[in-house]
N, C-alpha and C. Protein backbone atom coordinates (compact mmCIF):
# COMPACT_ATOMS: atom_id res chain seq x y z
N MET A 1 -21.03 -1.23 -46.05
CA MET A 1 -20.42 -0.37 -44.73
C MET A 1 -20.77 -1.15 -43.60
N VAL A 2 -19.39 -1.31 -42.93
CA VAL A 2 -19.29 -2.06 -41.67
C VAL A 2 -20.17 -1.36 -40.46
N LYS A 3 -20.97 -1.87 -39.68
CA LYS A 3 -21.52 -1.29 -38.73
C LYS A 3 -20.45 -1.96 -37.54
N LEU A 4 -20.69 -0.94 -36.23
CA LEU A 4 -20.19 -1.38 -35.08
C LEU A 4 -21.39 -1.25 -34.24
N ASP A 5 -21.38 -2.56 -33.49
CA ASP A 5 -22.34 -2.83 -32.30
C ASP A 5 -21.52 -2.33 -31.00
N LEU A 6 -21.81 -1.21 -30.73
CA LEU A 6 -21.38 -0.61 -29.46
C LEU A 6 -21.18 -1.57 -28.03
N PHE A 7 -22.28 -2.11 -28.00
CA PHE A 7 -22.43 -3.07 -26.86
C PHE A 7 -21.52 -4.25 -26.87
N SER A 8 -21.09 -4.50 -28.02
CA SER A 8 -19.93 -5.77 -28.04
C SER A 8 -18.61 -5.18 -28.49
N PHE A 9 -18.55 -4.01 -28.45
CA PHE A 9 -16.95 -3.44 -28.75
C PHE A 9 -16.43 -3.04 -27.14
N LEU A 10 -15.27 -3.91 -27.01
CA LEU A 10 -14.60 -3.92 -25.92
C LEU A 10 -14.34 -2.31 -25.17
N PRO A 11 -13.67 -1.59 -26.05
CA PRO A 11 -13.32 -0.38 -25.25
C PRO A 11 -14.54 0.40 -24.71
N PHE A 12 -15.75 0.13 -25.56
CA PHE A 12 -16.90 0.81 -24.83
C PHE A 12 -17.45 0.24 -23.71
N ARG A 13 -17.22 -1.17 -23.52
CA ARG A 13 -17.73 -1.97 -22.46
C ARG A 13 -16.98 -1.96 -21.22
N LEU A 14 -15.68 -1.91 -21.41
CA LEU A 14 -14.72 -1.63 -20.52
C LEU A 14 -14.91 -0.23 -19.89
N ASN A 15 -15.05 0.80 -20.57
CA ASN A 15 -15.37 2.19 -20.24
C ASN A 15 -16.64 2.35 -19.20
N ARG A 16 -17.62 1.91 -19.57
CA ARG A 16 -18.78 1.88 -19.16
C ARG A 16 -18.77 1.19 -17.95
N LEU A 17 -18.32 -0.16 -17.95
CA LEU A 17 -18.26 -0.82 -16.63
C LEU A 17 -17.30 -0.26 -15.66
N ALA A 18 -16.28 0.42 -16.08
CA ALA A 18 -15.06 1.26 -15.34
C ALA A 18 -16.11 2.40 -14.61
N ALA A 19 -16.66 3.09 -15.24
CA ALA A 19 -17.51 4.27 -14.87
C ALA A 19 -18.64 3.64 -13.66
N GLU A 20 -19.14 2.88 -14.18
CA GLU A 20 -20.31 2.23 -12.98
C GLU A 20 -19.58 1.58 -11.78
N VAL A 21 -18.36 1.16 -11.97
CA VAL A 21 -17.93 0.58 -10.72
C VAL A 21 -17.08 1.63 -10.00
N SER A 22 -16.68 2.70 -10.71
CA SER A 22 -15.95 3.82 -10.11
C SER A 22 -16.93 4.38 -9.33
N THR A 23 -18.07 4.69 -9.82
CA THR A 23 -19.23 5.49 -9.17
C THR A 23 -19.80 4.63 -7.91
N ALA A 24 -19.98 3.43 -8.10
CA ALA A 24 -20.47 2.72 -7.06
C ALA A 24 -19.23 2.45 -5.79
N LEU A 25 -18.02 2.50 -6.03
CA LEU A 25 -17.04 2.69 -5.09
C LEU A 25 -16.86 4.01 -4.51
N ALA A 26 -17.51 4.99 -5.47
CA ALA A 26 -17.22 6.60 -4.92
C ALA A 26 -18.20 6.84 -3.61
N GLU A 27 -19.44 6.07 -3.91
CA GLU A 27 -20.46 6.47 -2.86
C GLU A 27 -19.84 6.09 -1.49
N GLU A 28 -19.00 4.99 -1.45
CA GLU A 28 -18.40 4.86 -0.21
C GLU A 28 -17.29 5.97 0.79
N TYR A 29 -16.89 7.03 -0.42
CA TYR A 29 -15.93 7.72 0.10
C TYR A 29 -16.40 9.27 -0.26
N GLN A 30 -17.23 9.60 -1.07
CA GLN A 30 -17.44 10.80 -1.22
C GLN A 30 -18.43 11.47 -0.19
N GLN A 31 -19.74 10.77 0.23
CA GLN A 31 -20.70 11.44 0.92
C GLN A 31 -20.16 11.32 2.59
N ARG A 32 -19.47 10.42 2.68
CA ARG A 32 -18.99 10.14 4.45
C ARG A 32 -17.63 11.18 4.45
N TYR A 33 -16.79 10.94 3.59
CA TYR A 33 -15.39 11.53 3.88
C TYR A 33 -15.19 13.05 2.84
N GLY A 34 -16.26 13.29 1.77
CA GLY A 34 -15.81 14.38 1.19
C GLY A 34 -14.77 14.27 0.26
N LEU A 35 -14.48 12.92 -0.22
CA LEU A 35 -13.25 12.85 -1.06
C LEU A 35 -14.01 12.75 -2.49
N ASP A 36 -13.16 13.09 -3.54
CA ASP A 36 -13.75 12.76 -4.83
C ASP A 36 -12.80 11.94 -5.50
N ILE A 37 -13.20 11.41 -6.65
CA ILE A 37 -12.46 10.17 -7.34
C ILE A 37 -11.15 10.45 -7.36
N PRO A 38 -10.44 11.64 -8.11
CA PRO A 38 -8.91 11.90 -8.19
C PRO A 38 -8.30 12.03 -6.67
N GLY A 39 -9.14 12.73 -5.52
CA GLY A 39 -8.62 12.51 -4.14
C GLY A 39 -8.35 11.00 -3.58
N TRP A 40 -9.42 10.10 -3.95
CA TRP A 40 -9.15 8.77 -3.39
C TRP A 40 -8.02 8.15 -4.18
N ARG A 41 -8.02 8.43 -5.75
CA ARG A 41 -6.94 7.84 -6.31
C ARG A 41 -5.30 8.14 -5.71
N ILE A 42 -5.39 9.58 -5.24
CA ILE A 42 -4.01 9.88 -4.64
C ILE A 42 -3.62 9.03 -3.33
N LEU A 43 -4.90 9.24 -2.51
CA LEU A 43 -4.90 8.61 -1.21
C LEU A 43 -4.22 7.13 -1.37
N ALA A 44 -5.16 6.38 -2.29
CA ALA A 44 -4.75 4.90 -2.41
C ALA A 44 -3.38 4.80 -2.86
N THR A 45 -3.05 5.39 -4.17
CA THR A 45 -1.45 5.24 -4.62
C THR A 45 -0.93 5.53 -3.42
N LEU A 46 -0.76 6.53 -2.52
CA LEU A 46 0.00 6.88 -1.42
C LEU A 46 0.19 5.90 -0.43
N GLY A 47 -1.01 5.48 -0.33
CA GLY A 47 -1.44 4.73 1.04
C GLY A 47 -0.90 3.15 0.80
N PHE A 48 -0.66 2.80 -0.44
CA PHE A 48 -0.30 1.29 -1.01
C PHE A 48 1.40 1.40 -1.00
N ARG A 49 1.95 2.56 -1.01
CA ARG A 49 3.46 2.71 -0.74
C ARG A 49 3.99 3.04 0.44
N ASP A 50 5.36 2.29 0.33
CA ASP A 50 5.99 2.67 1.64
C ASP A 50 6.92 4.21 1.55
N ASP A 51 7.00 4.73 0.45
CA ASP A 51 7.80 5.71 0.17
C ASP A 51 7.02 7.17 -0.47
N ALA A 52 7.41 8.21 -0.25
CA ALA A 52 6.75 9.03 -1.28
C ALA A 52 6.92 9.01 -2.49
N CYS A 53 5.95 9.79 -3.23
CA CYS A 53 6.10 9.73 -4.72
C CYS A 53 5.51 11.23 -5.64
N THR A 54 5.98 11.23 -6.66
CA THR A 54 5.58 12.63 -7.39
C THR A 54 4.09 12.65 -7.50
N ALA A 55 3.63 13.55 -7.99
CA ALA A 55 2.05 13.79 -8.55
C ALA A 55 2.15 13.61 -9.80
N GLN A 56 3.22 13.62 -10.55
CA GLN A 56 3.65 12.92 -12.08
C GLN A 56 3.20 11.57 -12.03
N PHE A 57 3.77 10.79 -11.16
CA PHE A 57 3.76 9.49 -11.03
C PHE A 57 2.28 8.80 -10.72
N ILE A 58 1.94 9.63 -9.98
CA ILE A 58 0.38 9.32 -9.48
C ILE A 58 -0.68 9.67 -10.88
N ALA A 59 -0.27 10.65 -11.54
CA ALA A 59 -1.06 10.85 -12.71
C ALA A 59 -0.73 10.02 -13.86
N GLN A 60 0.29 9.15 -13.97
CA GLN A 60 0.87 8.31 -14.83
C GLN A 60 0.40 6.89 -14.51
N CYS A 61 0.30 6.50 -13.06
CA CYS A 61 -0.32 5.16 -12.86
C CYS A 61 -1.75 5.15 -12.80
N THR A 62 -2.29 6.25 -12.50
CA THR A 62 -3.81 6.25 -12.34
C THR A 62 -4.36 6.61 -13.85
N ARG A 63 -3.69 7.13 -14.58
CA ARG A 63 -4.29 7.51 -15.95
C ARG A 63 -5.13 8.62 -15.66
N THR A 64 -4.67 9.56 -14.77
CA THR A 64 -5.65 10.66 -14.52
C THR A 64 -4.80 12.08 -15.15
N HIS A 65 -5.68 12.91 -15.66
CA HIS A 65 -4.77 13.88 -16.16
C HIS A 65 -4.15 14.84 -15.04
N LYS A 66 -2.91 15.50 -15.59
CA LYS A 66 -2.25 16.00 -14.37
C LYS A 66 -2.61 17.18 -13.68
N SER A 67 -3.49 17.80 -14.42
CA SER A 67 -4.34 19.07 -13.89
C SER A 67 -5.18 18.56 -13.07
N THR A 68 -6.08 17.55 -13.16
CA THR A 68 -6.90 17.08 -12.15
C THR A 68 -6.24 16.63 -10.77
N ILE A 69 -5.17 15.84 -11.04
CA ILE A 69 -4.32 15.38 -10.30
C ILE A 69 -3.80 16.71 -9.36
N SER A 70 -3.31 17.50 -9.80
CA SER A 70 -3.21 18.93 -9.19
C SER A 70 -3.90 19.49 -8.42
N ARG A 71 -5.13 19.88 -8.89
CA ARG A 71 -6.18 20.19 -8.15
C ARG A 71 -6.54 19.38 -6.67
N ALA A 72 -6.47 18.05 -7.05
CA ALA A 72 -6.75 17.04 -5.92
C ALA A 72 -5.48 17.17 -4.87
N VAL A 73 -4.58 17.50 -5.29
CA VAL A 73 -3.30 17.42 -4.29
C VAL A 73 -3.40 18.48 -3.59
N ASN A 74 -3.81 19.71 -4.17
CA ASN A 74 -4.00 21.12 -3.51
C ASN A 74 -5.32 21.04 -2.47
N ALA A 75 -6.28 20.25 -2.80
CA ALA A 75 -7.50 19.81 -1.88
C ALA A 75 -6.71 19.16 -0.79
N LEU A 76 -6.23 17.97 -1.26
CA LEU A 76 -5.95 17.10 0.03
C LEU A 76 -4.58 17.91 1.14
N LEU A 77 -3.87 18.70 0.47
CA LEU A 77 -2.93 19.31 1.02
C LEU A 77 -3.62 20.46 2.00
N GLU A 78 -4.69 20.96 1.69
CA GLU A 78 -5.37 21.91 2.56
C GLU A 78 -5.91 21.26 3.45
N ARG A 79 -6.51 19.93 3.25
CA ARG A 79 -6.99 19.25 4.41
C ARG A 79 -6.06 18.40 5.27
N GLU A 80 -4.98 18.87 4.92
CA GLU A 80 -3.64 18.16 5.77
C GLU A 80 -3.88 16.53 5.74
N LEU A 81 -4.29 15.86 4.74
CA LEU A 81 -4.31 14.52 4.47
C LEU A 81 -3.06 14.29 3.83
N ILE A 82 -2.44 14.93 3.11
CA ILE A 82 -0.96 14.69 2.39
C ILE A 82 -0.27 15.77 2.62
N GLU A 83 1.09 15.56 2.52
CA GLU A 83 2.15 16.59 2.76
C GLU A 83 2.99 16.68 1.50
N ARG A 84 3.83 17.48 1.33
CA ARG A 84 5.01 17.57 0.48
C ARG A 84 6.16 17.45 1.28
N VAL A 85 7.22 16.75 0.63
CA VAL A 85 8.59 16.25 1.25
C VAL A 85 9.56 16.41 0.19
N GLU A 86 10.79 16.74 0.43
CA GLU A 86 11.84 16.83 -0.36
C GLU A 86 12.23 15.31 -0.89
N ASN A 87 12.65 15.46 -2.09
CA ASN A 87 13.49 14.20 -2.67
C ASN A 87 14.66 14.19 -2.10
N GLU A 88 15.17 13.40 -1.42
CA GLU A 88 16.76 13.26 -0.83
C GLU A 88 17.69 13.30 -1.77
N ASP A 89 17.57 12.82 -2.98
CA ASP A 89 18.43 13.02 -4.19
C ASP A 89 18.31 13.85 -5.05
N ASP A 90 17.31 14.78 -4.68
CA ASP A 90 16.87 15.89 -5.86
C ASP A 90 16.01 16.96 -4.68
N ARG A 91 16.90 17.84 -4.46
CA ARG A 91 16.15 18.87 -3.49
C ARG A 91 15.17 19.62 -4.03
N ARG A 92 15.03 19.76 -5.44
CA ARG A 92 14.31 20.71 -5.94
C ARG A 92 12.91 20.02 -6.24
N GLU A 93 12.92 18.68 -6.28
CA GLU A 93 11.79 17.81 -6.56
C GLU A 93 11.17 17.72 -5.15
N LEU A 94 9.60 17.81 -5.23
CA LEU A 94 8.74 17.77 -3.99
C LEU A 94 7.82 16.33 -4.10
N ARG A 95 7.86 15.62 -3.36
CA ARG A 95 7.18 14.22 -3.59
C ARG A 95 5.95 14.55 -2.62
N LEU A 96 5.08 13.65 -2.57
CA LEU A 96 4.08 13.47 -1.60
C LEU A 96 3.93 12.14 -0.90
N ARG A 97 3.22 12.44 0.32
CA ARG A 97 3.09 11.20 1.01
C ARG A 97 2.08 11.35 2.25
N LEU A 98 1.27 10.34 2.81
CA LEU A 98 0.11 10.71 3.57
C LEU A 98 0.88 11.12 4.80
N THR A 99 -0.03 12.31 5.47
CA THR A 99 0.16 12.47 6.80
C THR A 99 -0.72 11.32 7.74
N PRO A 100 -0.34 11.36 9.03
CA PRO A 100 -0.81 10.59 10.22
C PRO A 100 -2.31 10.41 9.99
N GLU A 101 -3.21 11.56 9.34
CA GLU A 101 -4.45 11.75 9.65
C GLU A 101 -4.80 11.19 7.80
N GLY A 102 -4.26 11.49 6.89
CA GLY A 102 -4.53 10.81 5.63
C GLY A 102 -4.24 9.37 5.83
N ARG A 103 -3.34 8.62 6.59
CA ARG A 103 -3.11 7.33 6.79
C ARG A 103 -4.15 6.68 7.64
N ALA A 104 -4.81 7.50 8.57
CA ALA A 104 -5.91 6.88 9.46
C ALA A 104 -7.06 6.70 8.37
N LEU A 105 -7.26 7.74 7.70
CA LEU A 105 -8.28 7.86 6.48
C LEU A 105 -8.28 6.61 5.49
N TYR A 106 -7.17 6.66 4.94
CA TYR A 106 -6.82 5.52 4.22
C TYR A 106 -7.04 3.85 4.87
N HIS A 107 -6.56 3.90 5.91
CA HIS A 107 -7.05 2.53 6.97
C HIS A 107 -8.47 2.17 6.97
N GLU A 108 -9.10 3.37 7.46
CA GLU A 108 -10.62 3.42 7.56
C GLU A 108 -11.16 3.02 6.36
N LEU A 109 -11.00 3.69 5.09
CA LEU A 109 -11.70 3.45 3.67
C LEU A 109 -11.41 2.08 3.25
N VAL A 110 -9.99 1.46 3.36
CA VAL A 110 -9.90 0.43 2.62
C VAL A 110 -10.81 -0.85 2.91
N PRO A 111 -11.03 -1.25 4.18
CA PRO A 111 -11.89 -2.29 4.31
C PRO A 111 -13.38 -2.26 3.48
N ARG A 112 -13.87 -0.91 3.70
CA ARG A 112 -14.96 -0.46 3.11
C ARG A 112 -15.07 -0.82 1.75
N LEU A 113 -14.12 -0.31 1.05
CA LEU A 113 -14.05 -0.60 -0.34
C LEU A 113 -13.80 -1.81 -0.93
N LYS A 114 -13.01 -2.62 0.06
CA LYS A 114 -12.50 -4.17 -0.50
C LYS A 114 -14.23 -4.62 -0.23
N ARG A 115 -14.85 -4.51 0.66
CA ARG A 115 -16.14 -5.17 0.93
C ARG A 115 -17.02 -4.82 -0.28
N ARG A 116 -16.91 -3.41 -0.91
CA ARG A 116 -17.89 -2.89 -1.64
C ARG A 116 -17.16 -3.86 -3.14
N GLU A 117 -15.93 -3.99 -3.37
CA GLU A 117 -15.36 -4.73 -4.50
C GLU A 117 -16.20 -6.03 -4.42
N GLN A 118 -16.12 -6.60 -3.64
CA GLN A 118 -16.63 -8.13 -3.17
C GLN A 118 -17.88 -8.29 -3.55
N GLU A 119 -18.72 -7.12 -2.94
CA GLU A 119 -20.29 -7.20 -3.41
C GLU A 119 -20.34 -7.16 -5.03
N ILE A 120 -19.43 -6.36 -5.55
CA ILE A 120 -19.66 -5.91 -7.12
C ILE A 120 -19.27 -7.65 -7.71
N LEU A 121 -18.20 -8.06 -7.60
CA LEU A 121 -17.88 -9.22 -8.16
C LEU A 121 -18.55 -10.59 -7.58
N SER A 122 -19.37 -10.44 -6.54
CA SER A 122 -20.19 -11.46 -6.09
C SER A 122 -21.09 -12.37 -7.27
N CYS A 123 -21.33 -12.00 -8.20
CA CYS A 123 -21.97 -12.64 -9.39
C CYS A 123 -20.87 -13.37 -10.05
N LEU A 124 -19.47 -13.70 -9.82
CA LEU A 124 -18.64 -14.32 -10.33
C LEU A 124 -18.16 -15.46 -9.39
N SER A 125 -18.02 -16.52 -9.81
CA SER A 125 -17.22 -17.61 -9.08
C SER A 125 -15.48 -17.44 -8.76
N ALA A 126 -14.94 -17.86 -7.67
CA ALA A 126 -13.88 -17.60 -7.55
C ALA A 126 -13.00 -17.69 -8.87
N ARG A 127 -13.33 -18.93 -9.40
CA ARG A 127 -12.22 -19.17 -10.46
C ARG A 127 -12.61 -17.99 -11.69
N GLU A 128 -13.63 -17.64 -11.94
CA GLU A 128 -14.03 -16.50 -12.64
C GLU A 128 -13.48 -15.16 -12.43
N ARG A 129 -13.43 -14.87 -11.25
CA ARG A 129 -12.72 -13.82 -10.42
C ARG A 129 -11.13 -13.94 -10.91
N ASP A 130 -10.44 -15.07 -10.58
CA ASP A 130 -9.25 -15.22 -10.92
C ASP A 130 -9.19 -14.99 -12.61
N SER A 131 -9.84 -15.65 -13.31
CA SER A 131 -9.44 -15.51 -14.63
C SER A 131 -9.68 -14.11 -15.18
N LEU A 132 -10.64 -13.41 -14.48
CA LEU A 132 -10.98 -11.86 -14.67
C LEU A 132 -9.43 -11.04 -14.57
N ALA A 133 -9.01 -11.69 -13.36
CA ALA A 133 -7.83 -10.58 -12.86
C ALA A 133 -6.70 -11.07 -13.75
N ASP A 134 -6.60 -12.30 -14.48
CA ASP A 134 -5.43 -12.64 -15.45
C ASP A 134 -5.55 -12.02 -16.62
N ALA A 135 -7.00 -11.99 -17.17
CA ALA A 135 -6.99 -11.43 -18.11
C ALA A 135 -6.80 -9.83 -18.45
N LEU A 136 -7.35 -9.25 -17.53
CA LEU A 136 -7.00 -7.57 -17.33
C LEU A 136 -5.55 -7.37 -17.08
N GLY A 137 -4.66 -8.25 -16.25
CA GLY A 137 -3.55 -8.08 -16.32
C GLY A 137 -2.62 -8.45 -17.49
N LYS A 138 -3.21 -8.90 -18.20
CA LYS A 138 -2.59 -9.54 -19.36
C LYS A 138 -2.65 -8.35 -20.22
N ILE A 139 -3.99 -7.63 -20.58
CA ILE A 139 -4.24 -6.70 -21.31
C ILE A 139 -3.49 -5.14 -20.69
N GLU A 140 -3.36 -5.29 -19.46
CA GLU A 140 -2.34 -4.02 -19.16
C GLU A 140 -1.08 -4.04 -19.20
N ARG A 141 -0.37 -5.48 -19.17
CA ARG A 141 1.01 -5.55 -19.57
C ARG A 141 0.90 -5.14 -21.28
N HIS A 142 0.09 -5.98 -21.98
CA HIS A 142 0.34 -5.64 -23.25
C HIS A 142 0.32 -4.16 -23.69
N LEU A 143 -0.31 -3.20 -23.13
CA LEU A 143 -0.26 -1.98 -23.15
C LEU A 143 0.82 -1.18 -22.21
N ASP A 144 1.44 -1.88 -21.70
CA ASP A 144 2.54 -1.07 -20.89
C ASP A 144 1.96 -0.55 -19.77
N LEU A 145 1.05 -0.89 -19.04
CA LEU A 145 0.63 0.07 -17.94
C LEU A 145 1.31 -0.46 -16.70
N ILE A 146 1.50 0.58 -15.81
CA ILE A 146 1.95 0.33 -14.69
C ILE A 146 1.12 -0.69 -14.12
N GLN A 147 1.70 -1.48 -13.45
CA GLN A 147 1.32 -2.89 -12.73
C GLN A 147 1.31 -2.60 -11.00
N ALA A 148 1.83 -2.00 -10.45
CA ALA A 148 1.54 -1.72 -9.07
C ALA A 148 2.02 -0.48 -8.64
N SER A 149 1.37 -0.04 -7.54
CA SER A 149 1.79 1.28 -7.02
C SER A 149 2.99 1.47 -6.28
N HIS A 150 3.65 0.52 -5.93
CA HIS A 150 5.09 0.59 -5.43
C HIS A 150 6.37 0.37 -6.17
N GLY A 151 6.00 0.56 -7.47
CA GLY A 151 7.14 0.72 -8.52
C GLY A 151 7.92 2.23 -8.35
N HIS A 152 9.11 2.11 -9.01
CA HIS A 152 9.86 3.56 -8.92
C HIS A 152 9.03 4.58 -10.04
N ASP A 153 9.21 5.68 -9.55
CA ASP A 153 8.61 6.86 -10.19
C ASP A 153 9.68 7.70 -10.80
N ASP A 154 10.81 7.30 -10.87
CA ASP A 154 12.03 8.40 -11.22
C ASP A 154 12.51 8.09 -12.67
N GLY A 155 11.75 6.96 -13.28
CA GLY A 155 12.03 7.06 -14.71
C GLY A 155 11.09 7.71 -15.89
N PRO A 156 11.23 7.45 -16.93
CA PRO A 156 10.52 8.04 -18.19
C PRO A 156 9.12 7.59 -18.04
N ALA A 157 8.37 8.37 -18.63
CA ALA A 157 6.92 8.03 -18.56
C ALA A 157 6.51 6.69 -19.38
N VAL A 158 5.72 6.02 -19.03
CA VAL A 158 5.15 4.92 -19.57
C VAL A 158 4.27 5.24 -20.73
N LYS A 159 4.54 4.89 -21.84
CA LYS A 159 3.87 5.07 -23.24
C LYS A 159 3.26 3.77 -23.51
N PRO A 160 1.98 3.66 -23.97
CA PRO A 160 1.13 2.33 -24.72
C PRO A 160 1.98 1.91 -25.68
N LYS A 161 2.03 0.44 -26.20
CA LYS A 161 2.48 0.10 -27.07
C LYS A 161 1.82 0.64 -28.60
N VAL A 162 2.13 0.63 -29.29
CA VAL A 162 1.21 0.63 -30.60
C VAL A 162 1.53 -0.52 -31.50
N SER A 163 0.57 -1.33 -31.91
CA SER A 163 0.64 -2.35 -32.46
C SER A 163 -0.10 -2.15 -33.96
N ALA A 164 0.57 -2.77 -35.05
CA ALA A 164 0.44 -2.88 -36.28
C ALA A 164 -1.20 -3.78 -36.55
N GLY A 165 -2.15 -3.09 -37.19
CA GLY A 165 -3.23 -3.50 -37.61
C GLY A 165 -4.28 -3.40 -36.45
């Protein structure tokens, strides 16, 4: 019988690392700003974009369940950090964008989170950080994951490739 060493199994290692990094970053926005992880993901996606987008697009590109995004959208709407706007091409569709208050919060948070990211990556050399970014990008492309928050969100859902073997 073949055994699996969980601590050398890449999916486990990536998941554990992602959870730890996410928790470390969440400390920057949860206590001070009352944001949870899904709320931050929405603000981050909208803050990076120049145009409004759908909650479905945010769920798709952040790989967060749509019901989780929906609850976070409602909380952010209540706090008036985001607003719904009509899609000019399809008035039945509502898109989301940051309010001025939401944009101010985004701009206040980004430098703090970038500093925290640098602290986390400080154990790596510049070359290692570049290699890590390149390797992660290659895996993301292989799995057909959305690569940037500024892509179009009016196409079909992106599905991961299934490879044989």
